[in-house]
Amino acid sequence: MRAKVLGLNGDVVEEIELPDVFEEEFRPDIIKRAVLAIQSHRRQPYGVSSLAGRDYAWENWGPGYGYARVPRLKQGSRAVVVPQAVGGRRAHPPKVERKWEEKINKKEKRKALRSAIAATANPEIVRARNHVFEGELPKVVVDEFESLKKTKEVVEVFKAIGVYGDVERSKETKRIRAGKGKMRGRRYVMKKSVLVIVSNNIVKSARNLPGVDVVLVRNLNVELLAPGCLAGRLTVWTKSAVDYLRGWLC
């Protein structure tokens, strides 16, 4: 499988042979398992207070009153403490000692990563995620892209290689989050757009664009390539990042 290396002006500079990882079998089931395993390690344990539902002044009325013999408030008649009564404690509340982390085999995780990388070169899978782009996939640019310092320079390159339309699509999807998360420092949500994969230098000038993520190829993971467990994210590679894959995911 071959790919064209594009210059910063969008012209074809050379043509290279892609690593074998781009011909990996597409396995959305394994990709989903790997993404859920990654997300599970970010779950924060939560639970109730040890006195929740128990911290009452109560007494048992005993027989002869025509009422169930359950603990009741001393200053009233409402049943408390026991889980079978209305207003009682929860029978099995969430506990902080619960283990949320999901495990996945190393070979499965590597298989998922290879499959997610291969999906970025399949136009049908990428369009199924509603990404907007022009030309062929995968998008490979020269290494000079990593030295760009200004956001407007990155925008010009994205327009030249035909992926800036996806950035605009992501910008239009920005909205206020539904639920209490809007009060917890994550008020807005937005669709993901382009993923930029570099080899040595993080392109900070691209991180301010809507929906764009930048990552070193050695830090690449399945969740970045398949947000929401859906593979086929629109990806821009630098030539050195593609070369890095040759001896990495064998």
C-alpha atoms as a PDB file:
ATOM      1  CA  MET A   1       0.000   0.000   0.000  1.00  0.00           C
ATOM      2  CA  ARG A   2       1.424   3.368  -1.058  1.00  0.00           C
ATOM      3  CA  ALA A   3       0.666   6.939  -0.028  1.00  0.00           C
ATOM      4  CA  LYS A   4       1.534  10.397  -1.330  1.00  0.00           C
ATOM      5  CA  VAL A   5       3.546  12.751   0.877  1.00  0.00           C
ATOM      6  CA  LEU A   6       2.136  16.271   0.643  1.00  0.00           C
ATOM      7  CA  GLY A   7       4.052  19.499   1.047  1.00  0.00           C
ATOM      8  CA  LEU A   8       2.880  22.451   3.112  1.00  0.00           C
ATOM      9  CA  ASN A   9       1.282  23.889  -0.030  1.00  0.00           C
ATOM     10  CA  GLY A  10      -0.640  20.688  -0.783  1.00  0.00           C
ATOM     11  CA  ASP A  11       1.559  19.545  -3.689  1.00  0.00           C
ATOM     12  CA  VAL A  12       2.765  15.963  -3.892  1.00  0.00           C
ATOM     13  CA  VAL A  13       6.426  15.786  -2.880  1.00  0.00           C
ATOM     14  CA  GLU A  14       7.035  12.049  -3.056  1.00  0.00           C
ATOM     15  CA  GLU A  15       5.355   8.685  -2.781  1.00  0.00           C
ATOM     16  CA  ILE A  16       6.201   6.199  -0.027  1.00  0.00           C
ATOM     17  CA  GLU A  17       5.402   2.599   0.842  1.00  0.00           C
ATOM     18  CA  LEU A  18       3.215   2.436   3.947  1.00  0.00           C
ATOM     19  CA  PRO A  19       3.980   0.041   6.829  1.00  0.00           C
ATOM     20  CA  ASP A  20       2.109  -3.256   6.941  1.00  0.00           C
ATOM     21  CA  VAL A  21       0.039  -1.991   9.878  1.00  0.00           C
ATOM     22  CA  PHE A  22      -2.136  -0.026   7.416  1.00  0.00           C
ATOM     23  CA  GLU A  23      -3.324  -3.313   5.920  1.00  0.00           C
ATOM     24  CA  GLU A  24      -4.488  -4.765   9.256  1.00  0.00           C
ATOM     25  CA  GLU A  25      -7.907  -6.402   9.484  1.00  0.00           C
ATOM     26  CA  PHE A  26     -10.683  -4.075  10.704  1.00  0.00           C
ATOM     27  CA  ARG A  27     -11.950  -5.330  14.080  1.00  0.00           C
ATOM     28  CA  PRO A  28     -14.466  -2.882  15.601  1.00  0.00           C
ATOM     29  CA  ASP A  29     -15.267  -5.347  18.410  1.00  0.00           C
ATOM     30  CA  ILE A  30     -11.683  -5.404  19.702  1.00  0.00           C
ATOM     31  CA  ILE A  31     -11.363  -1.646  19.227  1.00  0.00           C
ATOM     32  CA  LYS A  32     -14.415  -1.108  21.418  1.00  0.00           C
ATOM     33  CA  ARG A  33     -12.997  -3.366  24.149  1.00  0.00           C
ATOM     34  CA  ALA A  34      -9.706  -1.472  24.143  1.00  0.00           C
ATOM     35  CA  VAL A  35     -11.366   1.967  24.312  1.00  0.00           C
ATOM     36  CA  LEU A  36     -13.635   0.938  27.196  1.00  0.00           C
ATOM     37  CA  ALA A  37     -10.624  -0.476  29.055  1.00  0.00           C
ATOM     38  CA  ILE A  38      -8.774   2.838  28.681  1.00  0.00           C
ATOM     39  CA  GLN A  39     -11.803   4.822  29.829  1.00  0.00           C
ATOM     40  CA  SER A  40     -12.375   2.547  32.831  1.00  0.00           C
ATOM     41  CA  HIS A  41      -9.012   3.581  34.311  1.00  0.00           C
ATOM     42  CA  ARG A  42     -10.280   7.150  34.566  1.00  0.00           C
ATOM     43  CA  ARG A  43     -13.349   6.229  36.602  1.00  0.00           C
ATOM     44  CA  GLN A  44     -13.281   7.822  40.028  1.00  0.00           C
ATOM     45  CA  PRO A  45     -14.509   5.518  42.831  1.00  0.00           C
ATOM     46  CA  TYR A  46     -17.532   6.793  44.693  1.00  0.00           C
ATOM     47  CA  GLY A  47     -19.726   5.574  47.547  1.00  0.00           C
ATOM     48  CA  VAL A  48     -22.060   6.626  50.323  1.00  0.00           C
ATOM     49  CA  SER A  49     -21.232   7.611  53.876  1.00  0.00           C
ATOM     50  CA  SER A  50     -20.980   4.722  56.341  1.00  0.00           C
ATOM     51  CA  LEU A  51     -23.785   6.390  58.345  1.00  0.00           C
ATOM     52  CA  ALA A  52     -26.051   7.102  55.357  1.00  0.00           C
ATOM     53  CA  GLY A  53     -29.583   5.989  56.200  1.00  0.00           C
ATOM     54  CA  ARG A  54     -28.583   4.941  59.742  1.00  0.00           C
ATOM     55  CA  ASP A  55     -27.852   8.189  61.549  1.00  0.00           C
ATOM     56  CA  TYR A  56     -31.256   8.602  63.251  1.00  0.00           C
ATOM     57  CA  ALA A  57     -32.630   8.640  66.776  1.00  0.00           C
ATOM     58  CA  TRP A  58     -35.008   5.666  66.516  1.00  0.00           C
ATOM     59  CA  GLU A  59     -36.892   3.171  68.624  1.00  0.00           C
ATOM     60  CA  ASN A  60     -38.962   0.042  68.093  1.00  0.00           C
ATOM     61  CA  TRP A  61     -42.559   0.435  69.283  1.00  0.00           C
ATOM     62  CA  GLY A  62     -42.973  -3.268  69.893  1.00  0.00           C
ATOM     63  CA  PRO A  63     -46.239  -5.266  69.622  1.00  0.00           C
ATOM     64  CA  GLY A  64     -49.738  -4.063  70.363  1.00  0.00           C
ATOM     65  CA  TYR A  65     -49.949  -0.971  68.172  1.00  0.00           C
ATOM     66  CA  GLY A  66     -51.088  -2.515  64.916  1.00  0.00           C
ATOM     67  CA  TYR A  67     -47.883  -1.340  63.173  1.00  0.00           C
ATOM     68  CA  ALA A  68     -44.948  -3.262  61.784  1.00  0.00           C
ATOM     69  CA  ARG A  69     -42.216  -3.697  64.363  1.00  0.00           C
ATOM     70  CA  VAL A  70     -39.493  -1.746  62.524  1.00  0.00           C
ATOM     71  CA  PRO A  71     -37.279   1.094  63.749  1.00  0.00           C
ATOM     72  CA  ARG A  72     -39.151   4.402  63.754  1.00  0.00           C
ATOM     73  CA  LEU A  73     -38.159   8.005  64.395  1.00  0.00           C
ATOM     74  CA  LYS A  74     -38.485   9.029  68.040  1.00  0.00           C
ATOM     75  CA  GLN A  75     -39.933  12.349  67.005  1.00  0.00           C
ATOM     76  CA  GLY A  76     -42.436  10.816  64.550  1.00  0.00           C
ATOM     77  CA  SER A  77     -43.720   7.575  63.123  1.00  0.00           C
ATOM     78  CA  ARG A  78     -41.744   7.212  59.888  1.00  0.00           C
ATOM     79  CA  ALA A  79     -39.848   3.954  59.483  1.00  0.00           C
ATOM     80  CA  VAL A  80     -36.071   4.323  59.162  1.00  0.00           C
ATOM     81  CA  VAL A  81     -32.847   2.299  58.943  1.00  0.00           C
ATOM     82  CA  VAL A  82     -34.286  -0.936  57.490  1.00  0.00           C
ATOM     83  CA  PRO A  83     -34.077  -1.226  53.672  1.00  0.00           C
ATOM     84  CA  GLN A  84     -37.497  -2.873  53.254  1.00  0.00           C
ATOM     85  CA  ALA A  85     -39.349   0.200  54.584  1.00  0.00           C
ATOM     86  CA  VAL A  86     -40.274   3.315  52.634  1.00  0.00           C
ATOM     87  CA  GLY A  87     -37.740   5.951  53.636  1.00  0.00           C
ATOM     88  CA  GLY A  88     -35.232   3.359  54.883  1.00  0.00           C
ATOM     89  CA  ARG A  89     -31.594   3.008  53.886  1.00  0.00           C
ATOM     90  CA  ARG A  90     -30.460   1.524  50.588  1.00  0.00           C
ATOM     91  CA  ALA A  91     -29.890  -2.218  50.675  1.00  0.00           C
ATOM     92  CA  HIS A  92     -26.782  -2.274  48.473  1.00  0.00           C
ATOM     93  CA  PRO A  93     -25.397   1.256  48.020  1.00  0.00           C
ATOM     94  CA  PRO A  94     -22.314   1.956  45.837  1.00  0.00           C
ATOM     95  CA  LYS A  95     -19.032   1.229  47.611  1.00  0.00           C
ATOM     96  CA  VAL A  96     -15.676   2.945  47.149  1.00  0.00           C
ATOM     97  CA  GLU A  97     -13.843  -0.386  47.173  1.00  0.00           C
ATOM     98  CA  ARG A  98     -15.424  -1.450  43.893  1.00  0.00           C
ATOM     99  CA  LYS A  99     -12.849  -2.075  41.141  1.00  0.00           C
ATOM    100  CA  TRP A 100     -13.822  -0.168  37.999  1.00  0.00           C
ATOM    101  CA  GLU A 101     -10.741  -1.006  35.940  1.00  0.00           C
ATOM    102  CA  GLU A 102     -11.357  -3.382  33.056  1.00  0.00           C
ATOM    103  CA  LYS A 103      -8.554  -5.635  31.874  1.00  0.00           C
ATOM    104  CA  ILE A 104      -7.580  -6.438  28.318  1.00  0.00           C
ATOM    105  CA  ASN A 105      -4.904  -8.773  27.004  1.00  0.00           C
ATOM    106  CA  LYS A 106      -1.728  -7.156  25.665  1.00  0.00           C
ATOM    107  CA  LYS A 107      -2.081  -8.868  22.279  1.00  0.00           C
ATOM    108  CA  GLU A 108      -5.690  -7.723  22.027  1.00  0.00           C
ATOM    109  CA  LYS A 109      -4.707  -4.150  22.849  1.00  0.00           C
ATOM    110  CA  ARG A 110      -1.988  -4.150  20.204  1.00  0.00           C
ATOM    111  CA  LYS A 111      -4.372  -5.727  17.700  1.00  0.00           C
ATOM    112  CA  ALA A 112      -6.914  -2.982  18.446  1.00  0.00           C
ATOM    113  CA  LEU A 113      -4.286  -0.262  17.934  1.00  0.00           C
ATOM    114  CA  ARG A 114      -3.149  -1.726  14.621  1.00  0.00           C
ATOM    115  CA  SER A 115      -6.758  -2.078  13.466  1.00  0.00           C
ATOM    116  CA  ALA A 116      -7.586   1.521  14.458  1.00  0.00           C
ATOM    117  CA  ILE A 117      -4.534   2.792  12.565  1.00  0.00           C
ATOM    118  CA  ALA A 118      -5.562   0.864   9.450  1.00  0.00           C
ATOM    119  CA  ALA A 119      -9.090   2.323   9.700  1.00  0.00           C
ATOM    120  CA  THR A 120      -7.691   5.857   9.312  1.00  0.00           C
ATOM    121  CA  ALA A 121      -6.661   4.956   5.749  1.00  0.00           C
ATOM    122  CA  ASN A 122     -10.108   3.623   4.741  1.00  0.00           C
ATOM    123  CA  PRO A 123     -12.238   6.425   3.202  1.00  0.00           C
ATOM    124  CA  GLU A 124     -15.521   4.562   3.775  1.00  0.00           C
ATOM    125  CA  ILE A 125     -14.877   4.094   7.511  1.00  0.00           C
ATOM    126  CA  VAL A 126     -13.711   7.712   7.897  1.00  0.00           C
ATOM    127  CA  ARG A 127     -16.790   9.093   6.093  1.00  0.00           C
ATOM    128  CA  ALA A 128     -18.998   6.909   8.299  1.00  0.00           C
ATOM    129  CA  ARG A 129     -17.842   9.127  11.190  1.00  0.00           C
ATOM    130  CA  ASN A 130     -19.114  12.156   9.189  1.00  0.00           C
ATOM    131  CA  HIS A 131     -15.620  13.558   8.650  1.00  0.00           C
ATOM    132  CA  VAL A 132     -15.194  16.030   5.797  1.00  0.00           C
ATOM    133  CA  PHE A 133     -12.088  15.803   3.613  1.00  0.00           C
ATOM    134  CA  GLU A 134     -10.858  16.038   0.037  1.00  0.00           C
ATOM    135  CA  GLY A 135      -8.428  13.782  -1.778  1.00  0.00           C
ATOM    136  CA  GLU A 136      -6.950  10.435  -0.827  1.00  0.00           C
ATOM    137  CA  LEU A 137      -6.254   8.831   2.543  1.00  0.00           C
ATOM    138  CA  PRO A 138      -4.087   8.584   4.554  1.00  0.00           C
ATOM    139  CA  LYS A 139      -2.969  12.209   4.722  1.00  0.00           C
ATOM    140  CA  VAL A 140       0.837  12.288   5.072  1.00  0.00           C
ATOM    141  CA  VAL A 141       2.675  15.633   5.190  1.00  0.00           C
ATOM    142  CA  VAL A 142       6.343  16.565   5.224  1.00  0.00           C
ATOM    143  CA  ASP A 143       8.196  16.840   8.536  1.00  0.00           C
ATOM    144  CA  GLU A 144       8.423  20.638   8.208  1.00  0.00           C
ATOM    145  CA  PHE A 145       4.838  20.683   9.472  1.00  0.00           C
ATOM    146  CA  GLU A 146       6.155  20.051  13.014  1.00  0.00           C
ATOM    147  CA  SER A 147       8.061  23.349  12.998  1.00  0.00           C
ATOM    148  CA  LEU A 148       5.005  25.571  12.400  1.00  0.00           C
ATOM    149  CA  LYS A 149       4.594  28.164  15.166  1.00  0.00           C
ATOM    150  CA  LYS A 150       1.384  30.003  14.273  1.00  0.00           C
ATOM    151  CA  THR A 151      -2.173  28.723  14.124  1.00  0.00           C
ATOM    152  CA  LYS A 152      -2.866  30.557  10.869  1.00  0.00           C
ATOM    153  CA  GLU A 153       0.004  28.616   9.254  1.00  0.00           C
ATOM    154  CA  VAL A 154      -1.573  25.328  10.348  1.00  0.00           C
ATOM    155  CA  VAL A 155      -4.934  26.512   8.956  1.00  0.00           C
ATOM    156  CA  GLU A 156      -3.311  27.213   5.595  1.00  0.00           C
ATOM    157  CA  VAL A 157      -1.785  23.719   5.508  1.00  0.00           C
ATOM    158  CA  PHE A 158      -5.100  22.107   6.477  1.00  0.00           C
ATOM    159  CA  LYS A 159      -6.821  23.997   3.646  1.00  0.00           C
ATOM    160  CA  ALA A 160      -4.095  22.962   1.203  1.00  0.00           C
ATOM    161  CA  ILE A 161      -4.347  19.249   2.007  1.00  0.00           C
ATOM    162  CA  GLY A 162      -8.159  19.270   2.152  1.00  0.00           C
ATOM    163  CA  VAL A 163      -9.047  18.685   5.834  1.00  0.00           C
ATOM    164  CA  TYR A 164      -9.965  22.169   7.083  1.00  0.00           C
ATOM    165  CA  GLY A 165     -13.614  21.594   6.222  1.00  0.00           C
ATOM    166  CA  ASP A 166     -13.734  19.057   9.035  1.00  0.00           C
ATOM    167  CA  VAL A 167     -12.438  21.649  11.524  1.00  0.00           C
ATOM    168  CA  GLU A 168     -15.273  23.959  10.512  1.00  0.00           C
ATOM    169  CA  ARG A 169     -17.749  21.091  10.876  1.00  0.00           C
ATOM    170  CA  SER A 170     -16.502  20.496  14.416  1.00  0.00           C
ATOM    171  CA  LYS A 171     -16.790  24.197  15.267  1.00  0.00           C
ATOM    172  CA  GLU A 172     -20.465  24.190  14.245  1.00  0.00           C
ATOM    173  CA  THR A 173     -21.232  21.307  16.631  1.00  0.00           C
ATOM    174  CA  LYS A 174     -20.191  23.163  19.792  1.00  0.00           C
ATOM    175  CA  ARG A 175     -23.093  23.223  22.244  1.00  0.00           C
ATOM    176  CA  ILE A 176     -23.912  23.341  25.958  1.00  0.00           C
ATOM    177  CA  ARG A 177     -23.698  19.974  27.654  1.00  0.00           C
ATOM    178  CA  ALA A 178     -26.903  18.364  28.881  1.00  0.00           C
ATOM    179  CA  GLY A 179     -26.888  17.592  32.604  1.00  0.00           C
ATOM    180  CA  LYS A 180     -24.974  18.654  35.691  1.00  0.00           C
ATOM    181  CA  GLY A 181     -21.621  18.441  33.958  1.00  0.00           C
ATOM    182  CA  LYS A 182     -22.178  22.020  32.786  1.00  0.00           C
ATOM    183  CA  MET A 183     -21.666  23.096  36.412  1.00  0.00           C
ATOM    184  CA  ARG A 184     -18.460  21.104  36.830  1.00  0.00           C
ATOM    185  CA  GLY A 185     -16.016  22.825  34.526  1.00  0.00           C
ATOM    186  CA  ARG A 186     -17.066  21.042  31.314  1.00  0.00           C
ATOM    187  CA  ARG A 187     -19.908  23.248  30.139  1.00  0.00           C
ATOM    188  CA  TYR A 188     -19.429  22.762  26.400  1.00  0.00           C
ATOM    189  CA  VAL A 189     -19.105  19.663  24.195  1.00  0.00           C
ATOM    190  CA  MET A 190     -17.877  19.458  20.628  1.00  0.00           C
ATOM    191  CA  LYS A 191     -17.360  16.765  17.994  1.00  0.00           C
ATOM    192  CA  LYS A 192     -13.813  15.573  17.318  1.00  0.00           C
ATOM    193  CA  SER A 193     -12.157  16.612  14.079  1.00  0.00           C
ATOM    194  CA  VAL A 194      -8.568  16.086  12.887  1.00  0.00           C
ATOM    195  CA  LEU A 195      -5.971  14.062  14.786  1.00  0.00           C
ATOM    196  CA  VAL A 196      -2.401  15.179  14.068  1.00  0.00           C
ATOM    197  CA  ILE A 197       0.262  12.545  14.704  1.00  0.00           C
ATOM    198  CA  VAL A 198       3.865  13.763  14.864  1.00  0.00           C
ATOM    199  CA  SER A 199       7.187  12.118  15.663  1.00  0.00           C
ATOM    200  CA  ASN A 200       9.264  14.577  17.721  1.00  0.00           C
ATOM    201  CA  ASN A 201       7.756  18.023  18.212  1.00  0.00           C
ATOM    202  CA  ILE A 202       4.194  18.687  19.428  1.00  0.00           C
ATOM    203  CA  VAL A 203       2.582  21.259  17.114  1.00  0.00           C
ATOM    204  CA  LYS A 204       1.142  23.548  19.786  1.00  0.00           C
ATOM    205  CA  SER A 205      -0.155  25.919  17.123  1.00  0.00           C
ATOM    206  CA  ALA A 206      -2.726  23.287  16.075  1.00  0.00           C
ATOM    207  CA  ARG A 207      -4.174  22.535  19.489  1.00  0.00           C
ATOM    208  CA  ASN A 208      -6.326  25.664  19.552  1.00  0.00           C
ATOM    209  CA  LEU A 209      -8.359  24.590  16.511  1.00  0.00           C
ATOM    210  CA  PRO A 210     -11.850  23.174  17.242  1.00  0.00           C
ATOM    211  CA  GLY A 211     -11.835  19.422  17.767  1.00  0.00           C
ATOM    212  CA  VAL A 212      -8.154  19.003  16.823  1.00  0.00           C
ATOM    213  CA  ASP A 213      -5.838  16.798  18.880  1.00  0.00           C
ATOM    214  CA  VAL A 214      -2.046  16.522  18.537  1.00  0.00           C
ATOM    215  CA  VAL A 215      -0.113  13.513  19.824  1.00  0.00           C
ATOM    216  CA  LEU A 216       3.356  12.011  19.561  1.00  0.00           C
ATOM    217  CA  VAL A 217       3.292   8.745  17.651  1.00  0.00           C
ATOM    218  CA  ARG A 218       4.890   6.890  20.559  1.00  0.00           C
ATOM    219  CA  ASN A 219       2.011   8.026  22.817  1.00  0.00           C
ATOM    220  CA  LEU A 220      -0.702   6.971  20.380  1.00  0.00           C
ATOM    221  CA  ASN A 221      -3.620   4.999  21.826  1.00  0.00           C
ATOM    222  CA  VAL A 222      -6.874   3.490  20.576  1.00  0.00           C
ATOM    223  CA  GLU A 223      -9.143   6.101  22.178  1.00  0.00           C
ATOM    224  CA  LEU A 224      -7.513   8.931  20.202  1.00  0.00           C
ATOM    225  CA  LEU A 225      -7.958   6.995  16.956  1.00  0.00           C
ATOM    226  CA  ALA A 226     -11.491   5.843  17.779  1.00  0.00           C
ATOM    227  CA  PRO A 227     -13.323   8.405  19.957  1.00  0.00           C
ATOM    228  CA  GLY A 228     -16.549   6.956  21.343  1.00  0.00           C
ATOM    229  CA  CYS A 229     -15.408   3.466  20.244  1.00  0.00           C
ATOM    230  CA  LEU A 230     -15.965   4.442  16.580  1.00  0.00           C
ATOM    231  CA  ALA A 231     -12.859   3.901  14.462  1.00  0.00           C
ATOM    232  CA  GLY A 232     -11.947   5.917  11.395  1.00  0.00           C
ATOM    233  CA  ARG A 233     -10.917   9.298  12.741  1.00  0.00           C
ATOM    234  CA  LEU A 234      -9.590  11.752  10.148  1.00  0.00           C
ATOM    235  CA  THR A 235      -5.836  11.711  10.751  1.00  0.00           C
ATOM    236  CA  VAL A 236      -2.874  13.706   9.470  1.00  0.00           C
ATOM    237  CA  TRP A 237       0.508  11.974   9.746  1.00  0.00           C
ATOM    238  CA  THR A 238       3.964  13.429   9.362  1.00  0.00           C
ATOM    239  CA  LYS A 239       6.373  11.360   7.274  1.00  0.00           C
ATOM    240  CA  SER A 240       8.585  10.598  10.300  1.00  0.00           C
ATOM    241  CA  ALA A 241       5.575   9.411  12.286  1.00  0.00           C
ATOM    242  CA  VAL A 242       4.705   6.937   9.536  1.00  0.00           C
ATOM    243  CA  ASP A 243       8.317   5.717   9.447  1.00  0.00           C
ATOM    244  CA  TYR A 244       8.183   5.216  13.229  1.00  0.00           C
ATOM    245  CA  LEU A 245       5.409   2.646  12.772  1.00  0.00           C
ATOM    246  CA  ARG A 246       7.624   0.315  10.734  1.00  0.00           C
ATOM    247  CA  GLY A 247       9.516  -1.051  13.697  1.00  0.00           C
ATOM    248  CA  TRP A 248       6.951  -0.323  16.406  1.00  0.00           C
ATOM    249  CA  LEU A 249       3.809  -2.363  15.821  1.00  0.00           C
ATOM    250  CA  CYS A 250       5.267  -5.483  14.273  1.00  0.00           C
END
